[in-house]
């Protein structure tokens, strides 16, 4: 999933995250995924979709909570995937 790395003010951070960094929920500390590649303020990661796409999710880098992680749903993302996640969340 595409990622953007930002500071607390929403400014993109360059070279702040290394590949292999853990992405966690800032509130619970629960691991949501891992950054696979990073270049400047952008990256790609393997994340739990349900957690990453929550409207109120607060994601950060495990050892650097000052770096916010913003998961981006690409334009090509199939609508069916989002609908399935919403249905699964409603049942749970």
PDB file of N, CA and C in Angstrom:
ATOM      1  N   UNK A   1       0.843  -1.162   0.000  1.00  0.00           N
ATOM      2  CA  UNK A   1       0.000   0.000   0.000  1.00  0.00           C
ATOM      3  C   UNK A   1       0.898   1.238   0.000  1.00  0.00           C
ATOM      4  N   UNK A   2       0.590   2.253  -0.791  1.00  0.00           N
ATOM      5  CA  UNK A   2       1.378   3.489  -0.800  1.00  0.00           C
ATOM      6  C   UNK A   2       1.283   4.218   0.543  1.00  0.00           C
ATOM      7  N   UNK A   3       2.401   4.808   0.965  1.00  0.00           N
ATOM      8  CA  UNK A   3       2.473   5.506   2.246  1.00  0.00           C
ATOM      9  C   UNK A   3       3.086   6.889   2.070  1.00  0.00           C
ATOM     10  N   UNK A   4       2.684   7.811   2.950  1.00  0.00           N
ATOM     11  CA  UNK A   4       3.313   9.127   3.048  1.00  0.00           C
ATOM     12  C   UNK A   4       3.757   9.290   4.494  1.00  0.00           C
ATOM     13  N   UNK A   5       4.969   9.811   4.691  1.00  0.00           N
ATOM     14  CA  UNK A   5       5.507  10.037   6.029  1.00  0.00           C
ATOM     15  C   UNK A   5       5.445  11.532   6.326  1.00  0.00           C
ATOM     16  N   UNK A   6       4.790  11.890   7.441  1.00  0.00           N
ATOM     17  CA  UNK A   6       4.564  13.296   7.793  1.00  0.00           C
ATOM     18  C   UNK A   6       4.946  13.558   9.241  1.00  0.00           C
ATOM     19  N   UNK A   7       5.165  14.849   9.551  1.00  0.00           N
ATOM     20  CA  UNK A   7       5.334  15.234  10.948  1.00  0.00           C
ATOM     21  C   UNK A   7       3.961  15.569  11.531  1.00  0.00           C
ATOM     22  N   UNK A   8       3.915  16.021  12.770  1.00  0.00           N
ATOM     23  CA  UNK A   8       2.649  16.311  13.448  1.00  0.00           C
ATOM     24  C   UNK A   8       1.875  17.459  12.792  1.00  0.00           C
ATOM     25  N   UNK A   9       2.571  18.295  12.004  1.00  0.00           N
ATOM     26  CA  UNK A   9       1.928  19.427  11.333  1.00  0.00           C
ATOM     27  C   UNK A   9       1.469  19.083   9.920  1.00  0.00           C
ATOM     28  N   UNK A  10       1.653  17.835   9.513  1.00  0.00           N
ATOM     29  CA  UNK A  10       1.240  17.426   8.176  1.00  0.00           C
ATOM     30  C   UNK A  10       2.271  17.702   7.096  1.00  0.00           C
ATOM     31  N   UNK A  11       3.469  18.126   7.496  1.00  0.00           N
ATOM     32  CA  UNK A  11       4.542  18.378   6.532  1.00  0.00           C
ATOM     33  C   UNK A  11       5.244  17.059   6.202  1.00  0.00           C
ATOM     34  N   UNK A  12       5.463  16.814   4.927  1.00  0.00           N
ATOM     35  CA  UNK A  12       6.120  15.573   4.519  1.00  0.00           C
ATOM     36  C   UNK A  12       7.573  15.562   4.988  1.00  0.00           C
ATOM     37  N   UNK A  13       7.993  14.413   5.528  1.00  0.00           N
ATOM     38  CA  UNK A  13       9.355  14.238   6.030  1.00  0.00           C
ATOM     39  C   UNK A  13      10.184  13.463   5.023  1.00  0.00           C
ATOM     40  N   UNK A  14      11.348  13.956   4.736  1.00  0.00           N
ATOM     41  CA  UNK A  14      12.229  13.294   3.778  1.00  0.00           C
ATOM     42  C   UNK A  14      13.291  12.485   4.525  1.00  0.00           C
ATOM     43  N   UNK A  15      13.516  11.277   4.058  1.00  0.00           N
ATOM     44  CA  UNK A  15      14.551  10.387   4.602  1.00  0.00           C
ATOM     45  C   UNK A  15      14.384  10.123   6.099  1.00  0.00           C
ATOM     46  N   UNK A  16      13.158  10.063   6.580  1.00  0.00           N
ATOM     47  CA  UNK A  16      12.907   9.845   8.007  1.00  0.00           C
ATOM     48  C   UNK A  16      12.623   8.393   8.348  1.00  0.00           C
ATOM     49  N   UNK A  17      12.377   7.569   7.339  1.00  0.00           N
ATOM     50  CA  UNK A  17      11.960   6.187   7.589  1.00  0.00           C
ATOM     51  C   UNK A  17      12.818   5.224   6.769  1.00  0.00           C
ATOM     52  N   UNK A  18      13.238   4.154   7.414  1.00  0.00           N
ATOM     53  CA  UNK A  18      14.037   3.127   6.735  1.00  0.00           C
ATOM     54  C   UNK A  18      13.170   1.920   6.394  1.00  0.00           C
ATOM     55  N   UNK A  19      13.468   1.243   5.297  1.00  0.00           N
ATOM     56  CA  UNK A  19      12.761  -0.003   4.998  1.00  0.00           C
ATOM     57  C   UNK A  19      12.903  -0.974   6.176  1.00  0.00           C
ATOM     58  N   UNK A  20      11.841  -1.706   6.445  1.00  0.00           N
ATOM     59  CA  UNK A  20      11.831  -2.635   7.568  1.00  0.00           C
ATOM     60  C   UNK A  20      11.243  -2.046   8.834  1.00  0.00           C
ATOM     61  N   UNK A  21      10.991  -0.728   8.845  1.00  0.00           N
ATOM     62  CA  UNK A  21      10.394  -0.092  10.027  1.00  0.00           C
ATOM     63  C   UNK A  21       8.982  -0.609  10.245  1.00  0.00           C
ATOM     64  N   UNK A  22       8.615  -0.774  11.513  1.00  0.00           N
ATOM     65  CA  UNK A  22       7.272  -1.238  11.841  1.00  0.00           C
ATOM     66  C   UNK A  22       6.306  -0.064  11.899  1.00  0.00           C
ATOM     67  N   UNK A  23       5.117  -0.267  11.330  1.00  0.00           N
ATOM     68  CA  UNK A  23       4.039   0.714  11.407  1.00  0.00           C
ATOM     69  C   UNK A  23       3.102   0.243  12.515  1.00  0.00           C
ATOM     70  N   UNK A  24       2.805   1.146  13.465  1.00  0.00           N
ATOM     71  CA  UNK A  24       1.959   0.794  14.602  1.00  0.00           C
ATOM     72  C   UNK A  24       0.802   1.771  14.725  1.00  0.00           C
ATOM     73  N   UNK A  25      -0.245   1.329  15.415  1.00  0.00           N
ATOM     74  CA  UNK A  25      -1.333   2.224  15.793  1.00  0.00           C
ATOM     75  C   UNK A  25      -0.812   3.057  16.954  1.00  0.00           C
ATOM     76  N   UNK A  26      -0.869   4.370  16.822  1.00  0.00           N
ATOM     77  CA  UNK A  26      -0.294   5.265  17.814  1.00  0.00           C
ATOM     78  C   UNK A  26      -0.981   5.128  19.175  1.00  0.00           C
ATOM     79  N   UNK A  27      -2.279   4.858  19.171  1.00  0.00           N
ATOM     80  CA  UNK A  27      -3.037   4.757  20.417  1.00  0.00           C
ATOM     81  C   UNK A  27      -2.741   3.458  21.165  1.00  0.00           C
ATOM     82  N   UNK A  28      -2.822   2.336  20.464  1.00  0.00           N
ATOM     83  CA  UNK A  28      -2.703   1.030  21.121  1.00  0.00           C
ATOM     84  C   UNK A  28      -1.289   0.453  21.087  1.00  0.00           C
ATOM     85  N   UNK A  29      -0.456   0.931  20.163  1.00  0.00           N
ATOM     86  CA  UNK A  29       0.874   0.364  19.993  1.00  0.00           C
ATOM     87  C   UNK A  29       0.874  -0.931  19.194  1.00  0.00           C
ATOM     88  N   UNK A  30      -0.307  -1.339  18.717  1.00  0.00           N
ATOM     89  CA  UNK A  30      -0.463  -2.587  17.965  1.00  0.00           C
ATOM     90  C   UNK A  30       0.208  -2.466  16.594  1.00  0.00           C
ATOM     91  N   UNK A  31       0.950  -3.511  16.208  1.00  0.00           N
ATOM     92  CA  UNK A  31       1.616  -3.515  14.905  1.00  0.00           C
ATOM     93  C   UNK A  31       0.571  -3.644  13.802  1.00  0.00           C
ATOM     94  N   UNK A  32       0.633  -2.727  12.837  1.00  0.00           N
ATOM     95  CA  UNK A  32      -0.295  -2.707  11.710  1.00  0.00           C
ATOM     96  C   UNK A  32       0.388  -3.230  10.452  1.00  0.00           C
ATOM     97  N   UNK A  33       1.717  -3.108  10.387  1.00  0.00           N
ATOM     98  CA  UNK A  33       2.422  -3.578   9.211  1.00  0.00           C
ATOM     99  C   UNK A  33       3.879  -3.173   9.210  1.00  0.00           C
ATOM    100  N   UNK A  34       4.467  -3.214   8.014  1.00  0.00           N
ATOM    101  CA  UNK A  34       5.894  -2.947   7.844  1.00  0.00           C
ATOM    102  C   UNK A  34       6.118  -2.109   6.589  1.00  0.00           C
ATOM    103  N   UNK A  35       7.069  -1.187   6.679  1.00  0.00           N
ATOM    104  CA  UNK A  35       7.487  -0.406   5.513  1.00  0.00           C
ATOM    105  C   UNK A  35       8.426  -1.285   4.692  1.00  0.00           C
ATOM    106  N   UNK A  36       8.080  -1.525   3.431  1.00  0.00           N
ATOM    107  CA  UNK A  36       8.924  -2.352   2.558  1.00  0.00           C
ATOM    108  C   UNK A  36       9.973  -1.523   1.833  1.00  0.00           C
ATOM    109  N   UNK A  37       9.572  -0.366   1.317  1.00  0.00           N
ATOM    110  CA  UNK A  37      10.505   0.531   0.640  1.00  0.00           C
ATOM    111  C   UNK A  37      10.192   1.956   1.062  1.00  0.00           C
ATOM    112  N   UNK A  38      11.209   2.802   1.040  1.00  0.00           N
ATOM    113  CA  UNK A  38      11.022   4.213   1.380  1.00  0.00           C
ATOM    114  C   UNK A  38      11.985   5.044   0.549  1.00  0.00           C
ATOM    115  N   UNK A  39      11.459   6.138   0.001  1.00  0.00           N
ATOM    116  CA  UNK A  39      12.269   7.059  -0.779  1.00  0.00           C
ATOM    117  C   UNK A  39      11.738   8.456  -0.508  1.00  0.00           C
ATOM    118  N   UNK A  40      12.536   9.265   0.148  1.00  0.00           N
ATOM    119  CA  UNK A  40      12.074  10.598   0.519  1.00  0.00           C
ATOM    120  C   UNK A  40      10.939  10.506   1.519  1.00  0.00           C
ATOM    121  N   UNK A  41       9.834  11.149   1.214  1.00  0.00           N
ATOM    122  CA  UNK A  41       8.679  11.156   2.119  1.00  0.00           C
ATOM    123  C   UNK A  41       7.632  10.121   1.727  1.00  0.00           C
ATOM    124  N   UNK A  42       7.948   9.261   0.769  1.00  0.00           N
ATOM    125  CA  UNK A  42       6.988   8.260   0.274  1.00  0.00           C
ATOM    126  C   UNK A  42       7.530   6.861   0.493  1.00  0.00           C
ATOM    127  N   UNK A  43       6.609   5.917   0.496  1.00  0.00           N
ATOM    128  CA  UNK A  43       7.030   4.534   0.649  1.00  0.00           C
ATOM    129  C   UNK A  43       5.935   3.573   0.245  1.00  0.00           C
ATOM    130  N   UNK A  44       6.269   2.302   0.336  1.00  0.00           N
ATOM    131  CA  UNK A  44       5.305   1.227   0.120  1.00  0.00           C
ATOM    132  C   UNK A  44       5.391   0.328   1.336  1.00  0.00           C
ATOM    133  N   UNK A  45       4.226  -0.146   1.767  1.00  0.00           N
ATOM    134  CA  UNK A  45       4.223  -0.997   2.941  1.00  0.00           C
ATOM    135  C   UNK A  45       3.204  -2.109   2.838  1.00  0.00           C
ATOM    136  N   UNK A  46       3.410  -3.113   3.648  1.00  0.00           N
ATOM    137  CA  UNK A  46       2.473  -4.215   3.777  1.00  0.00           C
ATOM    138  C   UNK A  46       1.734  -3.979   5.091  1.00  0.00           C
ATOM    139  N   UNK A  47       0.446  -3.581   4.990  1.00  0.00           N
ATOM    140  CA  UNK A  47      -0.335  -3.204   6.166  1.00  0.00           C
ATOM    141  C   UNK A  47      -1.627  -3.996   6.247  1.00  0.00           C
ATOM    142  N   UNK A  48      -2.153  -4.138   7.447  1.00  0.00           N
ATOM    143  CA  UNK A  48      -3.490  -4.710   7.625  1.00  0.00           C
ATOM    144  C   UNK A  48      -4.482  -3.687   7.093  1.00  0.00           C
ATOM    145  N   UNK A  49      -5.232  -4.078   6.078  1.00  0.00           N
ATOM    146  CA  UNK A  49      -6.113  -3.131   5.391  1.00  0.00           C
ATOM    147  C   UNK A  49      -7.163  -2.537   6.312  1.00  0.00           C
ATOM    148  N   UNK A  50      -7.785  -3.370   7.117  1.00  0.00           N
ATOM    149  CA  UNK A  50      -8.857  -2.877   7.985  1.00  0.00           C
ATOM    150  C   UNK A  50      -8.362  -1.751   8.887  1.00  0.00           C
ATOM    151  N   UNK A  51      -7.178  -1.911   9.445  1.00  0.00           N
ATOM    152  CA  UNK A  51      -6.622  -0.890  10.336  1.00  0.00           C
ATOM    153  C   UNK A  51      -6.102   0.316   9.554  1.00  0.00           C
ATOM    154  N   UNK A  52      -5.446   0.059   8.438  1.00  0.00           N
ATOM    155  CA  UNK A  52      -4.823   1.136   7.671  1.00  0.00           C
ATOM    156  C   UNK A  52      -5.843   2.076   7.046  1.00  0.00           C
ATOM    157  N   UNK A  53      -7.010   1.550   6.677  1.00  0.00           N
ATOM    158  CA  UNK A  53      -7.995   2.369   5.968  1.00  0.00           C
ATOM    159  C   UNK A  53      -9.083   2.946   6.868  1.00  0.00           C
ATOM    160  N   UNK A  54      -8.966   2.769   8.180  1.00  0.00           N
ATOM    161  CA  UNK A  54      -9.940   3.380   9.090  1.00  0.00           C
ATOM    162  C   UNK A  54      -9.874   4.896   8.950  1.00  0.00           C
ATOM    163  N   UNK A  55     -11.036   5.538   9.011  1.00  0.00           N
ATOM    164  CA  UNK A  55     -11.089   7.000   8.883  1.00  0.00           C
ATOM    165  C   UNK A  55     -10.290   7.693   9.988  1.00  0.00           C
ATOM    166  N   UNK A  56     -10.365   7.172  11.200  1.00  0.00           N
ATOM    167  CA  UNK A  56      -9.726   7.840  12.335  1.00  0.00           C
ATOM    168  C   UNK A  56      -8.427   7.160  12.757  1.00  0.00           C
ATOM    169  N   UNK A  57      -7.809   6.407  11.846  1.00  0.00           N
ATOM    170  CA  UNK A  57      -6.579   5.707  12.219  1.00  0.00           C
ATOM    171  C   UNK A  57      -5.455   6.702  12.473  1.00  0.00           C
ATOM    172  N   UNK A  58      -4.620   6.357  13.427  1.00  0.00           N
ATOM    173  CA  UNK A  58      -3.480   7.185  13.789  1.00  0.00           C
ATOM    174  C   UNK A  58      -2.244   6.292  13.738  1.00  0.00           C
ATOM    175  N   UNK A  59      -1.608   6.247  12.584  1.00  0.00           N
ATOM    176  CA  UNK A  59      -0.473   5.354  12.374  1.00  0.00           C
ATOM    177  C   UNK A  59       0.842   6.098  12.548  1.00  0.00           C
ATOM    178  N   UNK A  60       1.846   5.381  13.058  1.00  0.00           N
ATOM    179  CA  UNK A  60       3.162   5.971  13.284  1.00  0.00           C
ATOM    180  C   UNK A  60       4.230   4.899  13.095  1.00  0.00           C
ATOM    181  N   UNK A  61       5.486   5.338  13.082  1.00  0.00           N
ATOM    182  CA  UNK A  61       6.622   4.420  13.041  1.00  0.00           C
ATOM    183  C   UNK A  61       6.939   4.019  14.479  1.00  0.00           C
ATOM    184  N   UNK A  62       7.141   2.731  14.705  1.00  0.00           N
ATOM    185  CA  UNK A  62       7.282   2.199  16.063  1.00  0.00           C
ATOM    186  C   UNK A  62       8.313   2.941  16.908  1.00  0.00           C
ATOM    187  N   UNK A  63       9.523   3.082  16.429  1.00  0.00           N
ATOM    188  CA  UNK A  63      10.575   3.691  17.237  1.00  0.00           C
ATOM    189  C   UNK A  63      10.684   5.199  17.064  1.00  0.00           C
ATOM    190  N   UNK A  64       9.746   5.781  16.321  1.00  0.00           N
ATOM    191  CA  UNK A  64       9.747   7.229  16.117  1.00  0.00           C
ATOM    192  C   UNK A  64       8.306   7.703  15.986  1.00  0.00           C
ATOM    193  N   UNK A  65       7.626   7.851  17.105  1.00  0.00           N
ATOM    194  CA  UNK A  65       6.199   8.203  17.103  1.00  0.00           C
ATOM    195  C   UNK A  65       5.937   9.603  16.547  1.00  0.00           C
ATOM    196  N   UNK A  66       7.000  10.399  16.353  1.00  0.00           N
ATOM    197  CA  UNK A  66       6.825  11.733  15.768  1.00  0.00           C
ATOM    198  C   UNK A  66       6.576  11.658  14.263  1.00  0.00           C
ATOM    199  N   UNK A  67       6.846  10.505  13.665  1.00  0.00           N
ATOM    200  CA  UNK A  67       6.613  10.321  12.229  1.00  0.00           C
ATOM    201  C   UNK A  67       5.246   9.675  12.048  1.00  0.00           C
ATOM    202  N   UNK A  68       4.312  10.440  11.481  1.00  0.00           N
ATOM    203  CA  UNK A  68       2.989   9.893  11.182  1.00  0.00           C
ATOM    204  C   UNK A  68       3.041   9.188   9.841  1.00  0.00           C
ATOM    205  N   UNK A  69       2.277   8.112   9.744  1.00  0.00           N
ATOM    206  CA  UNK A  69       2.201   7.346   8.505  1.00  0.00           C
ATOM    207  C   UNK A  69       0.786   7.473   7.971  1.00  0.00           C
ATOM    208  N   UNK A  70       0.692   7.895   6.739  1.00  0.00           N
ATOM    209  CA  UNK A  70      -0.609   8.047   6.091  1.00  0.00           C
ATOM    210  C   UNK A  70      -0.694   7.014   4.974  1.00  0.00           C
ATOM    211  N   UNK A  71      -1.645   6.091   5.098  1.00  0.00           N
ATOM    212  CA  UNK A  71      -1.856   5.079   4.062  1.00  0.00           C
ATOM    213  C   UNK A  71      -2.758   5.670   2.983  1.00  0.00           C
ATOM    214  N   UNK A  72      -2.373   5.493   1.738  1.00  0.00           N
ATOM    215  CA  UNK A  72      -3.105   6.060   0.613  1.00  0.00           C
ATOM    216  C   UNK A  72      -3.775   4.946  -0.186  1.00  0.00           C
ATOM    217  N   UNK A  73      -5.080   5.057  -0.354  1.00  0.00           N
ATOM    218  CA  UNK A  73      -5.807   4.106  -1.192  1.00  0.00           C
ATOM    219  C   UNK A  73      -5.683   4.582  -2.640  1.00  0.00           C
ATOM    220  N   UNK A  74      -5.014   3.818  -3.507  1.00  0.00           N
ATOM    221  CA  UNK A  74      -4.807   4.245  -4.894  1.00  0.00           C
ATOM    222  C   UNK A  74      -6.123   4.361  -5.671  1.00  0.00           C
ATOM    223  N   UNK A  75      -6.104   5.156  -6.731  1.00  0.00           N
ATOM    224  CA  UNK A  75      -7.288   5.330  -7.579  1.00  0.00           C
ATOM    225  C   UNK A  75      -7.741   4.016  -8.208  1.00  0.00           C
ATOM    226  N   UNK A  76      -6.799   3.125  -8.476  1.00  0.00           N
ATOM    227  CA  UNK A  76      -7.131   1.862  -9.130  1.00  0.00           C
ATOM    228  C   UNK A  76      -7.700   0.830  -8.154  1.00  0.00           C
ATOM    229  N   UNK A  77      -7.754   1.166  -6.878  1.00  0.00           N
ATOM    230  CA  UNK A  77      -8.221   0.239  -5.840  1.00  0.00           C
ATOM    231  C   UNK A  77      -9.635  -0.232  -6.152  1.00  0.00           C
ATOM    232  N   UNK A  78      -9.864  -1.539  -6.248  1.00  0.00           N
ATOM    233  CA  UNK A  78     -11.209  -2.041  -6.554  1.00  0.00           C
ATOM    234  C   UNK A  78     -12.222  -1.678  -5.464  1.00  0.00           C
ATOM    235  N   UNK A  79     -13.358  -1.160  -5.871  1.00  0.00           N
ATOM    236  CA  UNK A  79     -14.418  -0.759  -4.944  1.00  0.00           C
ATOM    237  C   UNK A  79     -14.868  -1.949  -4.107  1.00  0.00           C
ATOM    238  N   UNK A  80     -14.860  -3.129  -4.701  1.00  0.00           N
ATOM    239  CA  UNK A  80     -15.313  -4.332  -4.001  1.00  0.00           C
ATOM    240  C   UNK A  80     -14.487  -4.601  -2.749  1.00  0.00           C
ATOM    241  N   UNK A  81     -13.189  -4.306  -2.790  1.00  0.00           N
ATOM    242  CA  UNK A  81     -12.334  -4.562  -1.630  1.00  0.00           C
ATOM    243  C   UNK A  81     -12.757  -3.691  -0.457  1.00  0.00           C
ATOM    244  N   UNK A  82     -13.040  -2.428  -0.729  1.00  0.00           N
ATOM    245  CA  UNK A  82     -13.465  -1.521   0.334  1.00  0.00           C
ATOM    246  C   UNK A  82     -14.814  -1.951   0.885  1.00  0.00           C
ATOM    247  N   UNK A  83     -15.723  -2.352   0.011  1.00  0.00           N
ATOM    248  CA  UNK A  83     -17.041  -2.809   0.458  1.00  0.00           C
ATOM    249  C   UNK A  83     -16.916  -4.048   1.329  1.00  0.00           C
ATOM    250  N   UNK A  84     -16.049  -4.986   0.954  1.00  0.00           N
ATOM    251  CA  UNK A  84     -15.847  -6.193   1.756  1.00  0.00           C
ATOM    252  C   UNK A  84     -15.321  -5.841   3.143  1.00  0.00           C
ATOM    253  N   UNK A  85     -14.369  -4.912   3.214  1.00  0.00           N
ATOM    254  CA  UNK A  85     -13.829  -4.500   4.504  1.00  0.00           C
ATOM    255  C   UNK A  85     -14.901  -3.865   5.372  1.00  0.00           C
ATOM    256  N   UNK A  86     -15.747  -3.020   4.771  1.00  0.00           N
ATOM    257  CA  UNK A  86     -16.823  -2.371   5.517  1.00  0.00           C
ATOM    258  C   UNK A  86     -17.812  -3.403   6.044  1.00  0.00           C
ATOM    259  N   UNK A  87     -18.143  -4.394   5.226  1.00  0.00           N
ATOM    260  CA  UNK A  87     -19.075  -5.440   5.654  1.00  0.00           C
ATOM    261  C   UNK A  87     -18.477  -6.273   6.778  1.00  0.00           C
ATOM    262  N   UNK A  88     -17.212  -6.617   6.670  1.00  0.00           N
ATOM    263  CA  UNK A  88     -16.560  -7.407   7.711  1.00  0.00           C
ATOM    264  C   UNK A  88     -16.485  -6.630   9.018  1.00  0.00           C
ATOM    265  N   UNK A  89     -16.232  -5.329   8.938  1.00  0.00           N
ATOM    266  CA  UNK A  89     -16.165  -4.498  10.138  1.00  0.00           C
ATOM    267  C   UNK A  89     -17.525  -4.397  10.804  1.00  0.00           C
ATOM    268  N   UNK A  90     -18.581  -4.316  10.008  1.00  0.00           N
ATOM    269  CA  UNK A  90     -19.936  -4.201  10.552  1.00  0.00           C
ATOM    270  C   UNK A  90     -20.344  -5.479  11.280  1.00  0.00           C
ATOM    271  N   UNK A  91     -19.913  -6.622  10.768  1.00  0.00           N
ATOM    272  CA  UNK A  91     -20.254  -7.913  11.381  1.00  0.00           C
ATOM    273  C   UNK A  91     -19.482  -8.107  12.680  1.00  0.00           C
ATOM    274  N   UNK A  92     -18.241  -7.681  12.699  1.00  0.00           N
ATOM    275  CA  UNK A  92     -17.375  -7.874  13.876  1.00  0.00           C
ATOM    276  C   UNK A  92     -17.761  -6.976  14.973  1.00  0.00           C
TER     277      UNK A  92
END
